[in-house]
C-alpha cells in the first residue's frame, strides 16, 4: 500500500512512501488463578495491552534533493515528547495516539532510503469522528464505533440540581450547587477525566457521592437530563 502518513498534524506524503503493519486486535492479556485440586485455572480477567504499529517507510528523494535537509525535516516531525495523532493511509478516517519508539531504523532510512518506523500506542483503541447531540429531557443518543467512549456534557442548569442519567449504563451524575446555578453559567461534565466545572471553575465538590461518571456504548443510549438542557459530545472509539 502506498500513500501518505500524517503524524502530529504533519503530512509525510511528500517525503515518505509508507506501508503500515498492525494486527487485527491489540495484544490480549488474560489473568487466571490456579484452583487447587482442579484441572486448569479459574478465569479472572482479560484486558487489551499496548498496541505497536510498524510502518515500512521509503524515502521520496530525487536527483538534486538535499538529503541532509530532508533528514532534519523528517527527524524533527517524527519527534514528539508525548503520544500524538497518527493517521495512516490504510485507515484514513481513524487515528491512534502514538509515539515513535527507539531509533526505529532511522539511520537505515538515510543510508538505504528504506526503514521501518515503530510507533507505540499506550492507548490501543483508535479514535474516530467527533459527534454531539442535544439533550433536553429524555433523548436517545446513537453512538458509532465499536468500543465504549466517555462523553462530555455541557448544560446550563436552571434549578438547584442538575441530574444526568444514562439508563443504558445504569449510572447517574448529579451536581448540587444551590445558589450557584443562576440560569446563565455553563456546567461542563467531563466523564473521561472524572471532572466537573462551572463557568470554568472546578465544581467537583458539588458532585454528589452517589454519582458515577459513565461511558456511552456503541449503538443506542438512553440519556435523561433534569434541571437544565444542553449537549453531549463524544469521540467514536474503534477496535
Protein backbone atom coordinates (compact mmCIF):
# COMPACT_ATOMS: atom_id res chain seq x y z
CA UNK A 1 0.00 0.00 0.00
CA UNK A 2 1.32 3.40 -0.95
CA UNK A 3 0.08 6.70 0.39
CA UNK A 4 0.61 9.43 2.93
CA UNK A 5 1.10 9.28 6.68
CA UNK A 6 0.06 12.18 8.91
CA UNK A 7 1.70 12.41 12.32
CA UNK A 8 1.19 15.19 14.85
CA UNK A 9 -0.52 17.27 12.15
CA UNK A 10 2.32 16.93 9.61
CA UNK A 11 1.72 15.24 6.24
CA UNK A 12 4.66 12.98 5.36
CA UNK A 13 3.22 12.22 1.90
CA UNK A 14 5.75 14.38 0.00
CA UNK A 15 8.65 12.83 1.93
CA UNK A 16 7.84 9.15 2.58
CA UNK A 17 6.02 6.27 0.93
CA UNK A 18 4.61 4.14 3.72
CA UNK A 19 3.15 0.68 4.24
CA UNK A 20 1.76 0.09 7.76
CA UNK A 21 1.56 -3.27 9.54
CA UNK A 22 -0.67 -3.99 12.53
CA UNK A 23 -2.64 -6.86 13.97
CA UNK A 24 -6.41 -7.17 13.83
CA UNK A 25 -6.51 -6.65 17.63
CA UNK A 26 -4.16 -5.20 20.24
CA UNK A 27 -2.45 -7.84 22.41
CA UNK A 28 -4.89 -9.54 24.79
CA UNK A 29 -3.71 -10.34 28.31
CA UNK A 30 -5.65 -12.99 30.24
CA UNK A 31 -5.36 -13.34 34.02
CA UNK A 32 -6.24 -16.63 35.72
CA UNK A 33 -5.92 -18.24 39.14
CA UNK A 34 -4.88 -21.79 39.87
CA UNK A 35 -7.52 -23.85 41.67
CA UNK A 36 -6.03 -26.48 43.98
CA UNK A 37 -7.23 -29.93 43.18
CA UNK A 38 -8.77 -28.95 39.86
CA UNK A 39 -7.53 -29.13 36.32
CA UNK A 40 -6.89 -25.89 34.50
CA UNK A 41 -7.50 -22.50 36.07
CA UNK A 42 -10.22 -20.02 37.01
CA UNK A 43 -10.64 -17.07 34.68
CA UNK A 44 -10.23 -13.65 36.34
CA UNK A 45 -9.98 -11.00 33.65
CA UNK A 46 -8.95 -10.17 30.11
CA UNK A 47 -7.56 -6.81 29.07
CA UNK A 48 -6.15 -5.17 25.98
CA UNK A 49 -2.47 -4.34 26.08
CA UNK A 50 -0.39 -1.65 24.44
CA UNK A 51 -0.50 -1.55 20.64
CA UNK A 52 2.58 -1.44 18.41
CA UNK A 53 2.30 -0.28 14.80
CA UNK A 54 5.18 -0.81 12.39
CA UNK A 55 5.36 1.36 9.28
CA UNK A 56 7.67 0.47 6.40
CA UNK A 57 8.91 3.77 5.00
CA UNK A 58 10.66 4.62 1.76
CA UNK A 59 12.30 7.98 1.29
CA UNK A 60 10.92 10.09 -1.56
CA UNK A 61 14.03 11.79 -2.89
CA UNK A 62 15.02 12.78 -6.37
CA UNK A 63 18.21 13.90 -8.00
CA UNK A 64 19.36 17.19 -6.61
CA UNK A 65 17.37 16.87 -3.37
CA UNK A 66 19.28 17.92 -0.26
CA UNK A 67 19.24 14.65 1.73
CA UNK A 68 20.64 16.35 4.81
CA UNK A 69 17.78 18.83 4.80
CA UNK A 70 15.22 16.05 4.28
CA UNK A 71 16.75 14.16 7.19
CA UNK A 72 16.36 17.14 9.53
CA UNK A 73 12.77 17.78 8.39
CA UNK A 74 11.71 14.16 8.84
CA UNK A 75 13.50 13.70 12.16
CA UNK A 76 12.02 16.93 13.53
CA UNK A 77 8.50 15.97 12.50
CA UNK A 78 8.73 12.41 13.84
CA UNK A 79 9.80 13.57 17.29
CA UNK A 80 7.11 14.10 19.89
CA UNK A 81 7.62 14.07 23.67
CA UNK A 82 4.19 12.50 24.14
CA UNK A 83 1.66 10.50 22.11
CA UNK A 84 0.29 12.43 19.13
CA UNK A 85 -2.25 11.74 16.39
CA UNK A 86 -1.10 9.13 13.87
CA UNK A 87 -3.21 8.75 10.72
CA UNK A 88 -2.20 6.00 8.28
CA UNK A 89 -3.30 5.50 4.66
CA UNK A 90 -4.86 2.09 5.29
CA UNK A 91 -7.40 3.70 7.67
CA UNK A 92 -7.55 7.44 6.89
CA UNK A 93 -10.72 8.19 8.90
CA UNK A 94 -9.39 6.96 12.26
CA UNK A 95 -6.26 7.68 14.24
CA UNK A 96 -4.20 6.39 17.17
CA UNK A 97 -2.35 8.39 19.79
CA UNK A 98 1.19 7.19 19.17
CA UNK A 99 4.82 7.98 19.90
CA UNK A 100 7.88 6.92 17.90
CA UNK A 101 9.78 4.20 19.74
CA UNK A 102 13.55 3.77 19.82
CA UNK A 103 15.77 4.53 16.89
CA UNK A 104 13.23 2.95 14.51
CA UNK A 105 15.98 2.22 11.98
CA UNK A 106 16.21 5.90 11.06
CA UNK A 107 19.91 5.52 10.29
CA UNK A 108 19.00 2.94 7.65
CA UNK A 109 16.49 5.36 6.13
CA UNK A 110 19.26 7.87 5.47
CA UNK A 111 21.66 5.22 4.20
CA UNK A 112 19.43 3.00 2.03
CA UNK A 113 16.27 5.07 1.65
CA UNK A 114 14.16 2.45 3.45
CA UNK A 115 13.40 1.72 7.10
CA UNK A 116 10.72 0.51 9.50
CA UNK A 117 9.27 3.08 11.87
CA UNK A 118 7.91 1.67 15.13
CA UNK A 119 5.09 3.55 16.88
CA UNK A 120 3.85 2.64 20.34
CA UNK A 121 0.25 3.35 21.34
CA UNK A 122 -0.24 3.16 25.14
CA UNK A 123 -3.96 3.58 24.43
CA UNK A 124 -4.64 0.75 21.96
CA UNK A 125 -8.13 1.91 20.92
CA UNK A 126 -8.41 4.01 17.76
CA UNK A 127 -10.24 7.34 17.65
CA UNK A 128 -12.82 8.22 15.01
CA UNK A 129 -15.16 11.12 14.36
CA UNK A 130 -16.24 13.71 16.94
CA UNK A 131 -20.01 13.67 17.47
CA UNK A 132 -22.58 15.56 19.52
CA UNK A 133 -26.29 15.57 20.27
CA UNK A 134 -28.75 17.85 22.02
CA UNK A 135 -30.02 16.92 25.49
CA UNK A 136 -33.43 18.07 26.70
CA UNK A 137 -35.48 15.74 28.84
CA UNK A 138 -35.14 12.17 27.56
CA UNK A 139 -33.02 11.57 24.46
CA UNK A 140 -31.83 8.55 22.51
CA UNK A 141 -28.21 9.13 21.59
CA UNK A 142 -26.83 6.94 18.82
CA UNK A 143 -23.10 6.25 19.10
CA UNK A 144 -20.94 4.87 16.29
CA UNK A 145 -17.70 2.96 16.69
CA UNK A 146 -17.05 -0.44 18.27
CA UNK A 147 -15.83 0.46 21.77
CA UNK A 148 -17.29 2.47 24.70
CA UNK A 149 -16.37 6.16 24.86
CA UNK A 150 -16.64 8.71 27.71
CA UNK A 151 -18.75 11.78 26.83
CA UNK A 152 -18.53 15.42 27.77
CA UNK A 153 -21.78 17.11 28.79
CA UNK A 154 -22.33 20.86 28.68
CA UNK A 155 -25.53 22.28 30.16
CA UNK A 156 -26.93 25.46 31.66
CA UNK A 157 -28.60 24.45 34.95
CA UNK A 158 -31.86 26.20 35.71
CA UNK A 159 -32.64 24.71 39.11
CA UNK A 160 -30.87 23.74 42.32
CA UNK A 161 -29.52 20.49 40.90
CA UNK A 162 -28.53 19.14 37.50
CA UNK A 163 -29.02 15.42 37.01
CA UNK A 164 -27.85 13.38 34.02
CA UNK A 165 -28.76 9.70 33.85
CA UNK A 166 -27.65 7.01 31.43
CA UNK A 167 -30.30 4.33 31.58
CA UNK A 168 -28.12 2.25 29.29
CA UNK A 169 -25.14 2.33 31.66
CA UNK A 170 -27.31 2.39 34.82
CA UNK A 171 -25.39 5.43 36.04
CA UNK A 172 -26.31 8.90 37.29
CA UNK A 173 -24.31 12.11 37.63
CA UNK A 174 -25.85 14.73 39.91
CA UNK A 175 -24.40 18.15 40.61
CA UNK A 176 -25.93 20.03 43.53
CA UNK A 177 -24.84 23.66 43.71
CA UNK A 178 -27.66 25.53 45.39
CA UNK A 179 -27.17 29.25 44.87
CA UNK A 180 -24.51 28.81 42.18
CA UNK A 181 -26.91 27.91 39.38
CA UNK A 182 -28.46 31.12 38.08
CA UNK A 183 -29.52 30.02 34.58
CA UNK A 184 -26.55 31.72 32.85
CA UNK A 185 -23.47 29.64 33.75
CA UNK A 186 -22.38 26.60 31.76
CA UNK A 187 -21.69 23.38 33.65
CA UNK A 188 -19.19 21.04 31.96
CA UNK A 189 -19.07 17.38 32.98
CA UNK A 190 -16.04 15.54 31.57
CA UNK A 191 -16.69 11.84 32.10
CA UNK A 192 -13.30 10.83 30.71
CA UNK A 193 -11.40 12.96 33.21
CA UNK A 194 -13.94 12.46 36.02
CA UNK A 195 -14.08 16.23 36.39
CA UNK A 196 -16.77 18.90 36.57
CA UNK A 197 -16.51 22.67 36.01
CA UNK A 198 -18.95 25.55 36.38
CA UNK A 199 -18.12 28.62 34.31
CA UNK A 200 -14.51 27.41 34.03
CA UNK A 201 -14.04 26.80 37.77
CA UNK A 202 -13.87 23.41 39.45
CA UNK A 203 -17.23 22.12 40.64
CA UNK A 204 -16.05 18.67 41.72
CA UNK A 205 -17.05 19.37 45.32
CA UNK A 206 -20.67 19.79 44.17
CA UNK A 207 -20.86 16.33 42.54
CA UNK A 208 -22.87 14.06 44.84
CA UNK A 209 -21.18 10.99 46.32
CA UNK A 210 -23.65 8.66 44.61
CA UNK A 211 -22.67 9.98 41.17
CA UNK A 212 -20.92 7.73 38.68
CA UNK A 213 -19.23 9.06 35.54
CA UNK A 214 -20.31 6.86 32.65
CA UNK A 215 -19.37 5.83 29.14
CA UNK A 216 -21.51 5.67 26.02
CA UNK A 217 -21.80 2.25 24.41
CA UNK A 218 -21.85 1.69 20.63
CA UNK A 219 -25.45 1.82 19.46
CA UNK A 220 -28.44 3.42 21.17
CA UNK A 221 -28.01 5.12 24.58
CA UNK A 222 -30.95 6.44 26.57
CA UNK A 223 -29.94 9.68 28.33
CA UNK A 224 -32.15 11.76 30.64
CA UNK A 225 -31.31 15.26 31.84
CA UNK A 226 -33.17 17.10 34.62
CA UNK A 227 -32.67 20.65 35.86
CA UNK A 228 -31.45 22.07 32.57
CA UNK A 229 -30.68 21.37 28.91
CA UNK A 230 -27.51 21.17 26.89
CA UNK A 231 -25.39 18.99 24.62
CA UNK A 232 -23.48 15.74 24.92
CA UNK A 233 -20.36 15.22 22.82
CA UNK A 234 -18.01 12.28 22.32
CA UNK A 235 -15.36 10.80 20.04
CA UNK A 236 -16.05 7.46 18.39
CA UNK A 237 -13.68 4.69 19.51
CA UNK A 238 -12.74 1.72 17.35
CA UNK A 239 -11.02 -1.60 17.97
